[in-house]
Protein backbone atom coordinates (compact mmCIF):
# COMPACT_ATOMS: atom_id res chain seq x y z
CA MET A 1 128.00 121.58 56.93
CA THR A 2 128.78 119.12 55.27
CA GLU A 3 128.27 118.61 51.58
CA PRO A 4 125.76 115.87 50.56
CA VAL A 5 127.17 112.33 49.57
CA SER A 6 125.53 110.35 46.39
CA ILE A 7 125.97 106.76 46.01
CA GLU A 8 124.52 104.46 42.88
CA TYR A 9 124.91 101.09 43.64
CA THR A 10 123.49 97.04 42.99
CA ILE A 11 123.91 94.21 45.99
CA THR A 12 125.22 91.55 45.55
CA PRO A 13 123.56 88.32 47.21
CA THR A 14 126.91 88.15 49.41
CA GLU A 15 126.70 91.64 50.70
CA PHE A 16 123.11 91.46 51.13
CA ALA A 17 123.66 87.84 53.39
CA ALA A 18 126.75 89.88 55.04
CA GLY A 19 124.18 93.04 55.60
CA LEU A 20 121.59 90.89 57.74
CA ARG A 21 124.15 89.02 59.78
CA LEU A 22 126.33 92.36 60.85
CA TYR A 23 122.47 93.70 61.41
CA TRP A 24 121.44 90.74 63.73
CA PHE A 25 125.04 89.76 65.41
CA ARG A 26 125.51 93.18 66.29
CA ARG A 27 121.92 94.73 67.29
CA GLY A 28 120.97 91.14 69.78
CA LYS A 29 118.54 89.85 66.88
CA TYR A 30 120.02 86.82 66.51
CA ALA A 31 120.73 86.14 70.66
CA LEU A 32 117.78 84.47 71.49
CA LEU A 33 118.20 80.96 69.56
CA PRO A 34 121.67 80.58 71.63
CA ALA A 35 120.11 81.36 74.37
CA LEU A 36 117.42 79.46 73.99
CA THR A 37 119.58 76.49 73.29
CA ILE A 38 121.87 76.59 76.10
CA LEU A 39 118.69 76.53 78.50
CA SER A 40 117.54 73.83 76.62
CA ALA A 41 120.81 72.05 77.13
CA ILE A 42 120.76 73.13 81.08
CA THR A 43 117.49 71.75 80.98
CA ALA A 44 117.90 67.94 78.94
CA THR A 45 120.63 67.89 81.65
CA VAL A 46 118.07 68.42 85.00
CA VAL A 47 114.60 66.66 83.65
CA GLY A 48 115.86 64.32 81.18
CA SER A 49 115.90 63.03 77.00
CA ALA A 50 112.98 64.70 75.87
CA PHE A 51 114.96 68.05 76.74
CA LEU A 52 117.86 66.87 74.61
CA TRP A 53 115.96 66.90 71.44
CA VAL A 54 114.74 70.47 71.65
CA ALA A 55 118.30 71.35 72.73
CA ALA A 56 120.08 69.31 69.36
CA TYR A 57 117.11 70.88 66.77
CA LEU A 58 117.37 74.43 68.53
CA ALA A 59 121.88 74.19 68.04
CA ILE A 60 121.26 73.22 64.79
CA VAL A 61 118.72 76.21 63.71
CA SER A 62 121.62 78.71 65.65
CA ILE A 63 124.26 77.30 63.40
CA LEU A 64 122.00 77.29 59.76
CA PHE A 65 119.87 80.01 60.96
CA PRO A 66 122.31 83.40 59.66
CA TRP A 67 123.20 80.98 56.94
CA LEU A 68 120.24 80.10 55.33
CA MET A 69 117.68 83.07 55.96
CA PRO A 70 119.59 85.91 53.92
CA ARG A 71 119.27 83.20 51.11
CA ARG A 72 116.12 83.26 51.81
CA ALA A 73 115.42 86.62 51.74
CA TRP A 74 117.00 87.42 49.19
CA ARG A 75 115.33 85.13 46.83
CA ARG A 76 111.94 86.22 47.64
CA SER A 77 112.22 90.03 46.75
CA ALA A 78 113.75 90.79 43.17
CA ARG A 79 114.30 93.87 44.42
CA HIS A 80 117.47 93.38 46.18
CA GLY A 81 119.92 92.82 42.79
CA GLU A 82 118.13 95.68 41.52
CA ALA A 83 119.84 99.60 41.38
CA HIS A 84 119.58 101.72 44.58
CA ALA A 85 120.64 105.78 44.90
CA TYR A 86 120.67 107.48 47.93
CA GLN A 87 122.13 111.35 48.93
CA PHE A 88 123.19 111.52 51.70
CA ALA A 89 122.71 115.27 53.43
CA THR A 90 122.13 117.15 56.00
CA GLU A 91 118.26 117.16 55.71
CA GLY A 92 118.26 113.52 55.54
CA VAL A 93 118.21 110.73 53.20
CA ALA A 94 116.53 110.39 49.45
CA MET A 95 116.69 107.18 48.86
CA GLN A 96 115.36 105.61 45.28
CA ILE A 97 114.64 102.22 44.20
CA PRO A 98 112.90 101.20 40.56
CA ASP A 99 109.48 102.33 41.10
CA ALA A 100 109.79 104.30 44.68
CA SER A 101 111.82 107.60 46.02
CA THR A 102 111.27 108.64 49.55
CA LEU A 103 113.32 111.26 51.43
CA ALA A 104 114.18 110.57 55.28
CA ALA A 105 114.94 112.88 57.58
CA TRP A 106 117.86 111.37 60.23
CA SER A 107 115.39 111.01 62.92
CA TYR A 108 113.99 107.97 60.67
CA PHE A 109 117.46 106.33 61.87
CA THR A 110 118.56 104.42 64.80
CA GLY A 111 121.96 104.15 63.84
CA VAL A 112 124.48 102.22 61.79
CA VAL A 113 126.72 99.57 62.39
CA GLU A 114 129.59 99.01 60.26
CA SER A 115 132.22 95.60 59.03
CA ARG A 116 135.04 95.90 56.78
CA ASN A 117 133.29 96.75 53.74
CA LEU A 118 129.61 97.39 55.00
CA TYR A 119 127.78 99.84 56.38
CA VAL A 120 123.98 99.06 57.99
CA LEU A 121 121.82 102.46 58.67
CA THR A 122 119.43 100.91 61.03
CA SER A 123 115.55 102.49 61.62
CA THR A 124 112.68 102.30 64.18
CA ALA A 125 110.60 100.86 61.98
CA SER A 126 113.32 97.81 61.48
CA VAL A 127 113.99 98.84 57.94
CA ILE A 128 118.09 98.00 57.25
CA VAL A 129 119.73 99.97 54.51
CA ILE A 130 123.05 98.29 53.35
CA ILE A 131 125.53 100.12 52.03
CA PRO A 132 128.51 98.48 50.53
CA LYS A 133 131.60 100.65 50.55
CA ARG A 134 132.62 100.30 47.47
CA ALA A 135 129.65 102.46 46.46
CA PHE A 136 131.80 105.22 47.45
CA ARG A 137 133.48 107.25 44.47
CA SER A 138 136.29 108.26 46.77
CA LEU A 139 137.36 108.39 50.75
CA GLU A 140 136.48 111.81 50.96
CA ASP A 141 132.62 110.58 49.99
CA GLU A 142 133.70 108.13 52.27
CA ALA A 143 134.98 110.50 55.09
CA GLY A 144 131.40 112.65 54.14
CA PHE A 145 128.87 109.77 54.54
CA ARG A 146 130.75 109.14 57.92
CA GLU A 147 130.56 112.48 59.59
CA LEU A 148 127.02 113.20 57.96
CA VAL A 149 126.31 109.81 59.97
CA THR A 150 128.49 111.00 63.70
CA THR A 151 126.62 114.27 63.39
CA ASN A 152 122.90 113.18 62.86
CA LEU A 153 122.68 109.63 64.53
CA ALA A 154 124.88 111.72 67.58
CA GLY A 155 121.56 110.47 69.69
CA HIS A 156 121.39 107.39 69.20
């Protein structure tokens, strides 16, 4: 049985944006915009120039969306910049932010996505938990987290 792993951190706007982009790109949440752009461009070549404007608009949105939307989401909630505390254990994930705390069973989570600097836990409710790797106190804590995630999200 793996020992519980506790972390506490304040996420930065850069980490928040990187976590959202990681979630969108790796989980297919972003794939629709480029697909619509390509479809509009093909339609413009077949039907006429009216769809060219649609293709140009979608191309611009496709390029700017993953860079502008995380900033907008960050500004909409002051809570993103507050301290977050988590304890990962065999029983589940204890989460604490100012004014709220909960214990979520591992079954609440659907998967994890990893980058060089972050982990993003995904859930059935389209809620994500962005965890900077710098939040782990040691390599052993990070290894314990990885073991807990691997063991408890094996079927996801």
